[in-house]
Protein backbone atom coordinates (compact mmCIF):
# COMPACT_ATOMS: atom_id res chain seq x y z
CA MET A 1 165.63 144.85 80.15
CA LYS A 2 165.21 143.96 76.67
CA LYS A 3 166.47 140.05 77.66
CA THR A 4 163.98 139.79 80.38
CA PHE A 5 161.12 140.94 77.76
CA THR A 6 162.31 138.37 75.32
CA ILE A 7 162.23 136.10 78.08
CA ILE A 8 158.67 136.91 79.21
CA VAL A 9 157.29 136.74 75.20
CA THR A 10 158.90 133.12 75.16
CA ALA A 11 157.61 131.87 78.11
CA LEU A 12 153.85 133.20 77.11
CA LEU A 13 154.17 131.79 73.94
CA THR A 14 155.23 128.42 75.46
CA THR A 15 152.15 128.37 77.30
CA VAL A 16 149.60 129.39 74.47
CA VAL A 17 151.21 126.80 72.58
CA THR A 18 151.12 123.95 75.40
CA LEU A 19 147.45 124.72 76.00
CA PHE A 20 146.33 125.06 72.67
CA VAL A 21 147.77 121.50 72.09
CA LEU A 22 145.90 119.81 75.11
CA TRP A 23 142.94 121.52 73.59
CA LYS A 24 142.99 120.06 70.50
CA LEU A 25 144.48 116.33 72.18
CA ASP A 26 141.39 116.61 74.31
CA VAL A 27 139.01 117.49 71.70
CA ILE A 28 140.41 114.07 69.66
CA TYR A 29 139.27 112.33 72.68
CA LEU A 30 136.23 113.52 73.13
CA ASN A 31 135.43 112.59 69.24
CA LEU A 32 136.87 109.03 69.89
CA SER A 33 134.59 108.77 73.05
CA THR A 34 132.62 105.60 70.77
CA PRO A 35 134.01 103.32 68.68
CA VAL A 36 132.39 103.77 65.30
CA GLU A 37 131.89 107.60 65.12
CA LYS A 38 133.86 107.89 61.60
CA GLY A 39 131.47 109.91 59.30
CA LYS A 40 128.27 109.97 61.28
CA GLU A 41 125.66 112.18 60.30
CA PHE A 42 122.72 113.31 62.81
CA ILE A 43 118.93 113.36 61.40
CA GLY A 44 116.40 114.95 62.68
CA GLN A 45 113.13 113.99 63.71
CA ASP A 46 110.90 113.64 60.12
CA GLU A 47 113.89 110.82 59.59
CA LEU A 48 113.39 109.29 63.29
CA SER A 49 109.65 108.90 61.86
CA LEU A 50 110.93 107.19 58.44
CA LEU A 51 113.19 105.20 60.95
CA LEU A 52 110.56 103.85 62.89
CA LYS A 53 108.95 102.30 59.13
CA GLN A 54 111.52 100.56 58.23
CA GLU A 55 112.28 97.06 58.52
CA TYR A 56 115.59 95.59 60.34
CA PRO A 57 116.95 92.37 60.95
CA HIS A 58 117.28 90.84 64.75
CA LEU A 59 119.63 90.05 67.19
CA GLY A 60 120.95 86.52 66.53
CA ASP A 61 119.90 86.93 62.59
CA GLU A 62 122.19 85.65 60.21
CA ILE A 63 124.52 89.01 59.11
CA GLN A 64 123.12 88.30 55.47
CA VAL A 65 119.67 88.92 56.43
CA ALA A 66 121.29 92.48 56.98
CA HIS A 67 122.02 92.21 53.56
CA THR A 68 118.84 91.24 52.38
CA LEU A 69 116.84 94.02 54.35
CA LEU A 70 119.56 96.87 54.01
CA GLY A 71 121.63 96.30 50.80
CA GLU A 72 124.81 95.97 50.18
CA PRO A 73 127.48 97.61 53.23
CA VAL A 74 128.98 100.60 52.83
CA PHE A 75 131.93 99.65 55.07
CA THR A 76 133.40 95.74 55.91
CA SER A 77 135.94 94.56 58.42
CA ASP A 78 136.59 92.25 60.38
CA GLY A 79 133.34 91.45 62.52
CA GLN A 80 131.22 94.70 61.43
CA LYS A 81 129.51 95.95 58.57
CA ASP A 82 128.01 99.04 58.31
CA PHE A 83 124.90 100.13 56.06
CA ASP A 84 123.36 103.16 54.74
CA LEU A 85 119.81 104.15 55.82
CA LEU A 86 117.69 106.27 54.25
CA ASN A 87 119.45 107.03 51.27
CA GLY A 88 122.69 107.40 53.27
CA GLU A 89 121.65 110.03 55.30
CA GLU A 90 121.68 107.35 58.55
CA THR A 91 124.06 104.61 58.98
CA VAL A 92 123.87 101.66 61.12
CA TYR A 93 126.84 99.76 62.63
CA ILE A 94 126.08 95.71 62.67
CA THR A 95 128.78 93.58 64.73
CA PHE A 96 128.61 90.03 63.88
CA GLU A 97 130.38 86.40 64.77
CA ASP A 98 132.48 85.98 62.33
CA ARG A 99 133.06 82.23 62.73
CA GLN A 100 133.51 79.47 60.18
CA HIS A 101 130.39 78.48 61.04
CA SER A 102 128.40 81.21 62.71
CA ASP A 103 127.55 84.56 61.71
CA LYS A 104 125.23 85.74 64.16
CA ILE A 105 124.49 89.33 64.40
CA GLN A 106 125.84 90.90 68.03
CA SER A 107 125.16 94.31 68.33
CA PHE A 108 123.71 97.46 66.43
CA GLN A 109 124.59 101.13 66.70
CA LEU A 110 123.63 103.84 65.16
CA TYR A 111 123.18 107.98 65.81
CA VAL A 112 119.75 109.78 65.76
CA SER A 113 118.16 112.69 67.10
CA GLY A 114 114.76 113.17 68.68
CA ASP A 115 112.34 111.69 71.15
CA LYS A 116 113.86 109.35 73.72
CA GLU A 117 111.07 107.22 74.17
CA LYS A 118 110.43 106.92 70.11
CA ILE A 119 114.23 106.11 70.00
CA VAL A 120 113.31 103.26 72.59
CA GLU A 121 110.92 102.16 70.26
CA LEU A 122 113.35 102.22 67.49
CA GLY A 123 115.94 100.19 68.90
CA LYS A 124 113.34 97.48 70.01
CA LYS A 125 112.74 96.78 65.63
CA PHE A 126 116.10 95.51 66.45
CA LEU A 127 114.90 92.75 69.66
CA PRO A 128 113.30 89.20 68.13
CA THR A 129 109.81 88.82 68.41
CA GLY A 130 109.08 87.63 71.83
CA SER A 131 111.61 89.37 73.50
CA SER A 132 110.47 89.91 77.15
CA TYR A 133 111.48 93.61 79.39
CA ILE A 134 113.08 92.97 82.71
CA LYS A 135 113.48 96.53 83.53
CA GLU A 136 115.10 99.80 83.05
CA LYS A 137 118.60 101.44 84.76
CA GLU A 138 119.79 104.80 84.61
CA ASP A 139 123.20 106.08 85.08
CA GLU A 140 125.33 109.20 85.05
CA ILE A 141 129.10 109.18 84.76
CA GLU A 142 130.75 112.80 85.07
CA ARG A 143 134.43 113.12 83.57
CA LYS A 144 136.62 115.75 84.66
CA ASN A 145 139.32 117.40 82.66
CA GLU A 146 141.24 119.55 85.38
CA THR A 147 144.01 120.49 82.38
CA ILE A 148 141.21 123.06 80.58
CA ARG A 149 138.47 122.60 83.93
CA TYR A 150 135.76 121.18 81.56
CA THR A 151 133.18 118.38 82.86
CA LYS A 152 131.65 115.83 80.60
CA THR A 153 128.80 113.76 81.60
CA GLU A 154 127.18 111.41 80.10
CA PHE A 155 123.88 109.94 80.38
CA LEU A 156 123.11 106.57 79.88
CA ASN A 157 119.34 104.95 79.78
CA ARG A 158 119.42 100.78 79.47
CA HIS A 159 116.49 98.73 78.86
CA TYR A 160 116.86 95.14 79.91
CA TYR A 161 115.42 92.15 77.83
CA GLN A 162 115.25 88.76 77.88
CA MET A 163 115.30 86.84 74.45
CA PRO A 164 113.02 84.53 72.92
CA ASN A 165 114.38 80.42 72.82
CA GLY A 166 116.59 80.58 75.52
CA ASP A 167 118.80 82.96 73.60
CA GLY A 168 120.26 84.89 76.64
CA PHE A 169 119.73 88.68 77.41
CA ALA A 170 119.81 92.04 75.71
CA TYR A 171 119.84 95.63 76.32
CA ILE A 172 118.51 99.22 74.52
CA GLN A 173 121.10 101.81 75.17
CA VAL A 174 120.23 105.56 74.61
CA SER A 175 122.86 107.78 75.84
CA ASN A 176 124.21 111.30 75.09
CA ASN A 177 127.30 113.26 76.43
CA GLU A 178 127.30 116.92 77.73
CA THR A 179 129.81 119.33 78.40
CA ASP A 180 130.18 122.80 80.00
CA LEU A 181 133.37 122.91 77.69
CA PHE A 182 131.56 125.65 75.09
CA ASP A 183 129.32 128.27 76.13
CA GLU A 184 125.33 128.06 75.78
CA THR A 185 125.31 129.47 72.99
CA ARG A 186 127.16 126.51 71.36
CA GLN A 187 125.76 123.82 73.09
CA GLN A 188 123.30 122.04 70.56
CA LYS A 189 119.93 122.95 70.79
CA GLU A 190 118.69 119.10 69.96
CA ILE A 191 119.89 116.06 71.84
CA ASN A 192 121.86 113.75 69.60
CA TYR A 193 121.27 110.53 71.41
CA ASP A 194 124.04 107.01 70.80
CA LEU A 195 121.42 104.31 70.08
CA GLU A 196 122.63 100.69 70.85
CA VAL A 197 121.31 97.49 70.68
CA SER A 198 123.59 94.59 72.01
CA TYR A 199 123.56 90.99 73.71
CA VAL A 200 124.25 90.55 77.52
CA SER A 201 125.50 87.97 79.45
CA GLU A 202 123.35 87.17 82.04
CA MET A 203 126.31 87.71 85.11
CA GLU A 204 126.61 91.07 83.71
CA LEU A 205 122.99 92.00 83.71
CA ARG A 206 122.74 90.54 87.11
CA HIS A 207 125.90 92.94 88.39
CA ASP A 208 124.02 95.88 86.40
CA LEU A 209 120.79 95.60 88.17
CA GLY A 210 122.39 95.20 91.73
CA MET A 211 122.22 91.27 92.33
CA ILE A 212 125.83 90.37 92.20
CA ASP A 213 127.81 93.09 94.11
CA GLU A 214 131.01 92.20 91.85
CA TYR A 215 132.50 89.70 89.70
CA THR A 216 135.75 88.73 87.97
CA VAL A 217 136.42 87.54 84.62
CA VAL A 218 138.74 84.28 84.72
CA ASN A 219 139.99 82.29 81.91
CA GLY A 220 137.56 84.69 79.86
CA GLU A 221 134.62 83.60 81.81
CA ILE A 222 132.22 86.18 83.98
CA VAL A 223 132.54 84.49 87.73
CA ALA A 224 130.69 86.36 90.48
CA SER A 225 132.57 87.14 93.59
CA SER A 226 129.17 88.28 95.46
CA LEU A 227 125.92 86.96 94.88
CA ARG A 228 122.89 88.41 96.35
CA SER A 229 119.31 86.31 96.36
CA ASP A 230 117.28 88.82 94.73
CA GLU A 231 115.72 86.87 91.87
CA LEU A 232 115.93 88.05 87.80
CA VAL A 233 112.52 88.17 87.27
CA ILE A 234 110.69 89.80 84.71
CA ASP A 235 108.96 93.55 84.90
CA GLU A 236 105.51 93.10 84.16
CA THR A 237 104.66 96.93 85.34
CA ASN A 238 106.97 98.21 83.36
CA GLU A 239 105.98 99.29 79.40
CA ALA A 240 102.28 98.43 80.00
CA SER A 241 101.58 100.23 76.82
CA ASP A 242 103.78 98.45 74.74
CA ALA A 243 102.30 95.18 75.63
CA LYS A 244 98.80 96.22 74.17
CA SER A 245 100.94 97.74 71.12
CA GLU A 246 99.99 94.79 68.35
CA ASP A 247 103.75 95.91 66.78
CA SER A 248 105.24 95.66 70.09
CA VAL A 249 108.12 93.03 71.13
CA VAL A 250 107.01 92.32 74.07
CA GLU A 251 105.55 89.54 75.43
CA SER A 252 104.06 87.90 78.39
CA ALA A 253 107.29 86.63 80.22
CA GLU A 254 105.30 83.46 81.90
CA GLU A 255 104.75 82.25 78.38
CA ASN A 256 108.03 82.73 76.90
CA ILE A 257 109.34 81.10 79.78
CA LEU A 258 107.04 77.71 79.35
CA ALA A 259 108.14 78.12 75.33
CA ASN A 260 111.73 77.96 76.82
CA ASP A 261 111.33 75.20 79.18
CA VAL A 262 112.67 72.02 77.43
CA SER A 263 111.89 69.52 80.29
CA SER A 264 108.43 70.97 80.79
CA HIS A 265 107.57 70.26 76.85
CA GLU A 266 109.27 66.60 77.11
CA MET A 267 108.02 65.80 79.94
CA GLN A 268 104.06 66.19 79.30
CA SER A 269 105.10 64.31 75.97
CA PHE A 270 107.07 61.38 76.62
CA SER A 271 105.87 58.41 78.46
CA ASP A 272 106.95 57.07 81.35
CA HIS A 273 107.36 53.86 79.55
CA ILE A 274 109.69 55.17 77.78
CA ILE A 275 111.63 57.15 79.71
CA ASP A 276 112.03 54.01 82.02
CA GLN A 277 113.89 52.66 79.29
CA ASN A 278 116.09 55.50 78.71
CA ASN A 279 116.85 55.46 82.40
CA GLU A 280 118.08 51.70 81.90
CA LYS A 281 120.24 52.75 78.98
CA VAL A 282 122.20 55.33 81.10
CA LYS A 283 122.27 52.70 83.59
CA ASP A 284 124.17 50.16 81.50
CA SER A 285 127.74 49.62 81.81
CA THR A 286 128.14 50.11 78.34
CA PHE A 287 126.81 53.40 78.01
CA ARG A 288 129.90 55.71 78.91
CA GLN A 289 132.07 53.75 76.50
CA LEU A 290 129.34 54.24 74.06
CA ALA A 291 129.07 57.96 75.01
CA LYS A 292 132.57 58.56 74.34
CA THR A 293 132.38 57.58 70.48
CA GLY A 294 129.16 59.99 70.14
CA LYS A 295 126.84 56.96 70.54
CA ILE A 296 123.68 56.01 72.26
CA GLU A 297 121.86 52.89 72.07
CA GLY A 298 119.11 52.77 70.17
CA ILE A 299 119.72 55.70 68.15
CA ASN A 300 121.00 54.75 64.57
CA VAL A 301 121.29 58.51 62.83
CA GLN A 302 125.20 59.31 63.27
CA LEU A 303 125.63 63.23 65.04
CA TYR A 304 127.09 65.71 62.75
CA VAL A 305 126.10 64.25 58.87
CA PRO A 306 123.16 66.54 57.25
CA ASN A 307 119.74 66.15 58.57
CA GLY A 308 117.73 66.28 55.21
CA PRO A 309 118.76 63.50 53.92
CA GLU A 310 118.50 61.31 57.26
CA ILE A 311 114.99 62.99 58.07
CA ASP A 312 113.61 62.12 54.56
CA ALA A 313 115.29 58.78 54.14
CA HIS A 314 115.57 57.28 57.88
CA ILE A 315 113.52 58.72 60.74
CA GLY A 316 110.97 60.96 59.11
CA GLN A 317 109.28 64.51 60.21
CA PRO A 318 109.66 64.31 63.77
CA ASP A 319 106.30 64.26 66.26
CA TRP A 320 106.79 67.50 67.69
CA ARG A 321 109.57 69.91 67.89
CA VAL A 322 111.26 71.64 71.42
CA PRO A 323 112.84 75.25 70.74
CA ASN A 324 116.19 75.06 72.11
CA GLU A 325 119.42 77.25 72.41
CA GLY A 326 120.45 77.87 68.81
CA GLY A 327 117.79 75.67 67.49
CA TYR A 328 115.36 72.40 68.20
CA PHE A 329 115.12 69.02 69.83
CA LEU A 330 112.91 67.31 66.74
CA MET A 331 111.73 64.82 68.92
CA TYR A 332 110.60 61.32 67.92
CA GLU A 333 108.86 58.67 69.95
CA GLN A 334 110.09 55.78 67.80
CA CYS A 335 113.96 55.85 69.66
CA GLY A 336 112.50 57.73 72.93
CA CYS A 337 114.71 60.91 71.75
CA GLY A 338 115.61 64.33 70.27
CA TYR A 339 118.05 65.50 67.64
CA GLY A 340 119.18 68.79 68.12
CA VAL A 341 119.43 70.55 64.81
CA GLU A 342 119.57 74.87 64.23
CA TYR A 343 116.20 76.98 63.81
CA ASP A 344 117.13 77.06 59.60
CA TYR A 345 117.63 73.42 59.33
CA GLU A 346 114.12 73.05 57.24
CA GLU A 347 115.99 76.31 54.69
CA LEU A 348 119.36 73.96 55.01
CA PRO A 349 118.91 70.51 54.58
CA ASP A 350 123.19 70.16 54.32
CA SER A 351 123.02 71.85 58.22
CA PRO A 352 124.27 69.17 60.71
CA ILE A 353 122.15 66.99 63.57
CA ASN A 354 124.75 68.58 66.21
CA SER A 355 123.26 66.50 69.81
CA TYR A 356 121.42 63.59 70.65
CA TYR A 357 118.26 64.30 73.61
CA LEU A 358 117.07 61.71 75.93
CA PRO A 359 114.45 62.51 78.72
CA ILE A 360 115.43 60.88 81.77
CA ARG A 361 114.34 60.44 85.74
CA LEU A 362 117.38 59.72 87.51
CA THR A 363 118.83 60.82 90.70
CA ARG A 364 122.89 62.19 91.35
CA ASP A 365 123.78 59.02 92.97
CA GLU A 366 122.09 57.18 90.57
CA ILE A 367 123.69 58.63 87.38
CA VAL A 368 127.45 58.87 89.33
CA GLN A 369 127.22 55.13 90.49
CA SER A 370 126.73 54.48 86.44
CA LEU A 371 129.09 57.51 84.60
CA GLY A 372 131.48 58.40 87.65
CA GLU A 373 131.94 61.30 89.25
CA PRO A 374 130.93 64.38 86.68
CA THR A 375 133.99 66.75 85.04
CA SER A 376 132.05 69.78 86.66
CA GLU A 377 128.76 70.47 87.85
CA GLY A 378 127.08 73.32 89.32
CA ASP A 379 123.99 76.01 88.12
CA SER A 380 123.26 77.03 84.62
CA GLU A 381 124.14 80.86 84.07
CA ILE A 382 120.97 80.93 81.49
CA ASP A 383 118.12 79.85 83.98
CA GLY A 384 119.72 78.52 86.97
CA LYS A 385 119.30 74.52 86.70
CA PRO A 386 121.43 72.47 87.96
CA TYR A 387 123.18 70.45 85.80
CA LEU A 388 125.68 67.69 85.80
CA TYR A 389 128.83 67.81 82.86
CA TYR A 390 131.16 65.35 81.46
CA GLN A 391 134.20 65.34 79.31
CA LEU A 392 133.99 62.32 77.05
CA GLY A 393 136.71 62.70 74.39
CA ASN A 394 136.14 64.38 72.08
CA TYR A 395 132.42 64.92 73.31
CA GLU A 396 130.37 66.32 76.07
CA LEU A 397 127.85 65.11 77.98
CA PHE A 398 125.25 67.08 79.88
CA ILE A 399 122.92 66.20 82.21
CA ASP A 400 120.10 68.57 83.45
CA LYS A 401 117.96 68.84 86.52
CA SER A 402 114.92 71.03 87.03
CA LEU A 403 114.37 73.29 90.21
CA THR A 404 111.32 71.45 91.31
CA SER A 405 112.35 67.88 91.71
CA GLN A 406 114.70 65.73 93.07
CA TYR A 407 115.85 64.00 89.94
CA TYR A 408 118.01 65.08 86.90
CA ASN A 409 115.19 64.76 83.71
CA SER A 410 117.56 65.07 80.70
CA ILE A 411 120.80 64.18 78.73
CA SER A 412 122.22 65.89 75.66
CA LEU A 413 125.19 64.35 73.95
CA LYS A 414 127.20 66.59 71.73
């Protein structure tokens, strides 16, 4: 009898200890469900109003802009810096490119409670001016723990945007979790939200919005497996009130697209005579061999030299400039060409001239007859326009075509 009682007590204790350990492990999982929850403090509605009044860096800014606006970081690791807000009441977690020649901001994350619509407004303050609203998507993800028999539900609300100056796409995500692990008396009365503002690839965006059924990753690149015919368009009906707000980052999609369309700018500005001259350059038998050495006939400025001295001493100020991904093309009538520079080239005269640009008007057959078959060709993930790509030694040649013409209209040598 005594032996039986001992066995029963031992079994009960073992069960209790096992359940306790499982419970503790699950609590640890809950606390680690987001990657940067360390040391967070949720803030209240009044503090949300204060956060809305503060100035912030934007996606794509150099990380140094965060230092200027927010002070010194309280935590630094590879590709991430954390900054205190409101005298340490809140923390914003910023990731950035941690490369030799680039440290542009890639995402923001912070935790805040209050009105959900106001939190979205806070998210917009991290987007650059000129970002265009595309669409909103809501998701509900349910996870069940069969051991302890509770359910955790994650609510996701995403707002997608097209970035200005051909800088890709981004989203504002507001999310929160609910669980039936605790009874109602232990549930929080005020919802705590996770706010995230981040870049998103066009392929992932199309997948999220149901325009691509499936995609896979090949050699680090996202590739569509099943593409629908839906066009990615700006939703001009939603967020109408934002368009009327003076502080809104939402601008007309048509204006934004025109501002980012290099071909529409240069074709309006370069004369037919210049374009004909460039056509002959490309058709010349020496064009490919010169391009292999990083040169184009008639362009006397070298690639990857500091732009400031060249502008001051040799080529002068541009006749006009055109926004391009990552910077500008400085356009010059005298050479019928453009020079690719970074956005802050005026403040950083030591930054390099990183590409040449030629306006052309040639068919694919004319290009192939001169340069041979391209290394690859396809449609751009950014704007859907056809392109030809040539790998020429240490240099790359990109030839772009508009969607409304049979002609390829520009060449970039990098």
